[in-house]
Protein backbone atom coordinates (compact mmCIF):
# COMPACT_ATOMS: atom_id res chain seq x y z
CA MET A 1 227.79 -95.27 -115.83
CA ILE A 2 226.28 -93.25 -118.61
CA CYS A 3 222.91 -91.48 -118.51
CA GLN A 4 220.21 -93.44 -120.33
CA ASN A 5 218.97 -90.27 -122.06
CA HIS A 6 222.23 -88.37 -122.52
CA VAL A 7 225.02 -90.68 -123.69
CA ASP A 8 227.58 -87.88 -123.43
CA VAL A 9 226.98 -87.47 -119.66
CA ALA A 10 228.86 -89.77 -117.31
CA GLU A 11 229.45 -87.46 -114.35
CA GLY A 12 226.90 -87.28 -111.55
CA VAL A 13 224.94 -90.25 -112.91
CA ARG A 14 222.77 -92.10 -110.37
CA ARG A 15 220.33 -94.97 -110.59
CA CYS A 16 216.57 -94.53 -110.37
CA SER A 17 215.39 -95.91 -107.01
CA ARG A 18 212.55 -97.80 -108.64
CA CYS A 19 213.87 -99.24 -111.92
CA GLY A 20 217.63 -98.99 -111.30
CA THR A 21 218.37 -97.39 -114.68
CA PRO A 22 221.23 -94.84 -114.66
CA TYR A 23 220.32 -91.20 -115.32
CA CYS A 24 222.02 -87.82 -114.93
CA ASN A 25 220.75 -85.25 -112.43
CA ASP A 26 218.77 -83.46 -115.16
CA CYS A 27 216.73 -86.63 -115.79
CA LEU A 28 215.96 -87.41 -112.14
CA VAL A 29 213.61 -85.91 -109.60
CA GLU A 30 213.84 -86.55 -105.85
CA ILE A 31 210.78 -87.72 -103.96
CA GLN A 32 211.18 -88.27 -100.21
CA GLY A 33 214.96 -88.20 -100.66
CA TYR A 34 215.15 -90.87 -103.38
CA PRO A 35 215.90 -90.25 -107.10
CA TYR A 36 213.31 -91.29 -109.71
CA CYS A 37 213.26 -91.15 -113.51
CA ALA A 38 210.30 -89.65 -115.42
CA THR A 39 208.48 -92.98 -115.82
CA CYS A 40 208.96 -94.11 -112.23
CA LYS A 41 208.21 -90.65 -110.86
CA THR A 42 204.58 -91.01 -111.89
CA GLU A 43 204.29 -94.47 -110.31
CA GLN A 44 205.99 -93.30 -107.11
CA LEU A 45 203.71 -90.27 -106.79
CA LEU A 46 200.68 -92.53 -107.21
CA ASP A 47 202.04 -94.77 -104.44
CA VAL A 48 202.62 -91.76 -102.17
CA ARG A 49 199.10 -90.43 -102.82
CA SER A 50 197.52 -93.83 -102.14
CA GLY A 51 199.47 -94.25 -98.90
CA VAL A 52 201.67 -97.11 -100.09
CA ASP A 53 205.18 -96.83 -98.64
CA ALA A 54 207.47 -98.70 -101.04
CA THR A 55 210.50 -97.72 -98.97
CA VAL A 56 209.50 -100.10 -96.13
CA LEU A 57 211.17 -103.44 -96.74
CA ASP A 58 209.76 -106.85 -95.82
CA TYR A 59 212.78 -108.42 -94.10
CA ALA A 60 213.28 -112.17 -94.43
CA SER A 61 213.13 -114.33 -91.33
CA ILE A 62 216.29 -115.83 -89.89
CA SER A 63 215.02 -119.35 -90.56
CA ARG A 64 214.54 -118.60 -94.27
CA ARG A 65 218.03 -117.11 -94.40
CA PHE A 66 219.54 -120.21 -92.76
CA GLY A 67 217.58 -122.44 -95.14
CA ALA A 68 218.86 -120.54 -98.18
CA SER A 69 222.40 -120.70 -96.81
CA PHE A 70 222.07 -124.46 -96.30
CA VAL A 71 220.86 -125.01 -99.89
CA ASP A 72 223.69 -122.85 -101.24
CA GLY A 73 226.16 -124.81 -99.10
CA LEU A 74 225.01 -128.02 -100.76
CA ILE A 75 225.19 -126.48 -104.22
CA THR A 76 228.76 -125.20 -103.76
CA GLY A 77 230.07 -127.70 -101.21
CA VAL A 78 229.28 -130.99 -102.93
CA PRO A 79 231.19 -130.20 -106.17
CA ALA A 80 234.11 -128.78 -104.17
CA LEU A 81 234.30 -131.89 -101.99
CA ILE A 82 234.22 -134.14 -105.05
CA VAL A 83 237.23 -132.24 -106.47
CA ILE A 84 239.08 -132.36 -103.14
CA PHE A 85 238.48 -136.09 -102.64
CA SER A 86 239.58 -136.73 -106.23
CA VAL A 87 242.84 -134.85 -105.63
CA VAL A 88 243.43 -136.67 -102.35
CA GLY A 89 242.67 -139.97 -104.07
CA MET A 90 245.14 -139.21 -106.87
CA GLN A 91 247.80 -138.24 -104.33
CA SER A 92 247.21 -141.48 -102.40
CA ALA A 93 247.35 -143.55 -105.58
CA ALA A 94 250.62 -141.88 -106.53
CA GLY A 95 252.04 -142.65 -103.10
CA SER A 96 252.28 -139.03 -102.11
CA SER A 97 251.41 -138.33 -98.51
CA GLY A 98 252.39 -134.65 -98.56
CA PHE A 99 250.33 -131.63 -97.62
CA MET A 100 247.33 -131.01 -99.88
CA GLY A 101 248.40 -127.45 -100.59
CA GLY A 102 245.61 -124.89 -100.82
CA TRP A 103 242.87 -127.32 -101.81
CA PHE A 104 241.11 -126.81 -98.49
CA LEU A 105 240.37 -123.22 -99.60
CA LEU A 106 238.48 -124.40 -102.69
CA PRO A 107 235.00 -124.63 -101.09
CA SER A 108 235.28 -121.08 -99.75
CA LEU A 109 236.55 -119.74 -103.07
CA ILE A 110 233.77 -121.47 -105.03
CA ALA A 111 231.12 -120.21 -102.57
CA MET A 112 232.46 -116.65 -102.75
CA VAL A 113 232.51 -116.46 -106.56
CA TYR A 114 229.12 -118.20 -106.86
CA GLU A 115 227.46 -115.83 -104.38
CA ALA A 116 229.00 -112.65 -105.78
CA LEU A 117 228.10 -113.44 -109.40
CA MET A 118 224.56 -114.59 -108.58
CA LEU A 119 223.85 -111.61 -106.31
CA LYS A 120 225.11 -109.12 -108.87
CA ALA A 121 223.07 -110.73 -111.65
CA LYS A 122 219.76 -111.39 -109.86
CA GLY A 123 220.09 -110.40 -106.20
CA GLN A 124 219.54 -114.07 -105.39
CA THR A 125 221.50 -117.29 -105.28
CA LEU A 126 219.76 -120.58 -106.09
CA GLY A 127 219.17 -121.17 -102.38
CA LYS A 128 217.65 -117.72 -101.98
CA MET A 129 215.44 -118.33 -105.01
CA ALA A 130 214.25 -121.62 -103.49
CA LEU A 131 213.37 -119.94 -100.19
CA LYS A 132 212.05 -116.78 -101.89
CA VAL A 133 214.43 -114.26 -100.34
CA LYS A 134 216.50 -111.58 -102.05
CA VAL A 135 219.50 -109.41 -101.15
CA VAL A 136 219.07 -105.68 -101.75
CA ALA A 137 220.65 -102.37 -100.80
CA PRO A 138 219.30 -100.76 -97.58
CA ASP A 139 216.88 -98.63 -99.63
CA GLY A 140 215.56 -101.63 -101.59
CA ARG A 141 217.52 -101.00 -104.78
CA ALA A 142 219.51 -103.66 -106.61
CA LEU A 143 223.02 -104.36 -105.34
CA SER A 144 226.04 -102.67 -106.83
CA THR A 145 228.98 -104.81 -107.94
CA GLY A 146 230.92 -103.69 -104.88
CA GLN A 147 228.10 -104.69 -102.53
CA ALA A 148 227.71 -108.12 -104.15
CA TRP A 149 231.44 -108.88 -103.94
CA GLY A 150 231.78 -107.21 -100.52
CA ARG A 151 229.01 -109.38 -99.11
CA ALA A 152 230.49 -112.56 -100.59
CA VAL A 153 234.00 -111.76 -99.34
CA GLY A 154 232.58 -110.78 -95.94
CA ARG A 155 230.80 -114.13 -95.63
CA VAL A 156 234.00 -116.02 -96.44
CA LEU A 157 236.09 -113.95 -94.03
CA LEU A 158 233.47 -114.33 -91.30
CA GLY A 159 232.92 -118.00 -92.14
CA PHE A 160 234.90 -119.12 -89.13
CA LEU A 161 232.44 -117.13 -86.98
CA TYR A 162 229.36 -118.70 -88.60
CA ILE A 163 227.01 -118.42 -85.62
CA VAL A 164 228.59 -115.18 -84.34
CA ASP A 165 228.08 -113.69 -87.81
CA TYR A 166 224.31 -114.23 -87.44
CA ILE A 167 223.89 -113.08 -83.81
CA PRO A 168 223.09 -109.43 -84.72
CA ALA A 169 220.18 -110.69 -86.87
CA PHE A 170 218.39 -111.77 -83.70
CA PHE A 171 218.60 -108.28 -82.19
CA THR A 172 218.35 -105.80 -85.07
CA LYS A 173 215.07 -104.59 -86.54
CA GLU A 174 216.37 -105.15 -90.06
CA LYS A 175 217.70 -108.66 -89.20
CA THR A 176 221.20 -107.73 -90.39
CA THR A 177 224.16 -110.05 -89.94
CA LEU A 178 227.77 -108.94 -89.68
CA HIS A 179 228.32 -109.57 -93.41
CA ASP A 180 225.18 -107.51 -94.19
CA MET A 181 226.58 -104.66 -92.10
CA PHE A 182 229.96 -105.02 -93.82
CA ALA A 183 228.46 -104.78 -97.33
CA LYS A 184 225.51 -102.50 -96.45
CA THR A 185 222.93 -105.03 -97.66
CA ARG A 186 219.55 -106.32 -96.44
CA VAL A 187 217.77 -109.63 -97.05
CA VAL A 188 214.08 -109.30 -97.89
CA ASN A 189 211.25 -111.62 -98.84
CA ALA A 190 211.01 -111.88 -102.63
CA MET A 191 207.63 -111.63 -104.29
């Protein structure tokens, strides 16, 4: 990352907690432990003075999370199943009754890439947009590339534990699942 104001500075660059723009330490000021740029500093100080706590997140309900996951499953699963059934049909037509190879991994691979790319770009998949939830970092900032891919990979790896993956969400204040804990993410209600 390069500082928005100083293009020659790449070391020690962090993102503003409010707008997410990268700045060097000379361009940021810390308020309540979070870095803010000059523009956002003014807005944050107004929020602090008025008693608004922007650091408190509005966590999404488990039912909304399941609904978003279901919609995303349809979006990624239906095309993958069409491809798999087409391959199986071609193998049957050719008289081949051998093992399908790695085709059974296709739905998981498609879901992983879809989720990682959508979360990195918007913080939401199509299912999350439909149910008005968003994935963010624990402090409410946008996800890093590592968090987006880590969450997607974590969901695929924990896919065989689907219900077990969600059990912590019933008992944690922040409604975190195992894949949220793995990637250090939170799911909040989108405005």
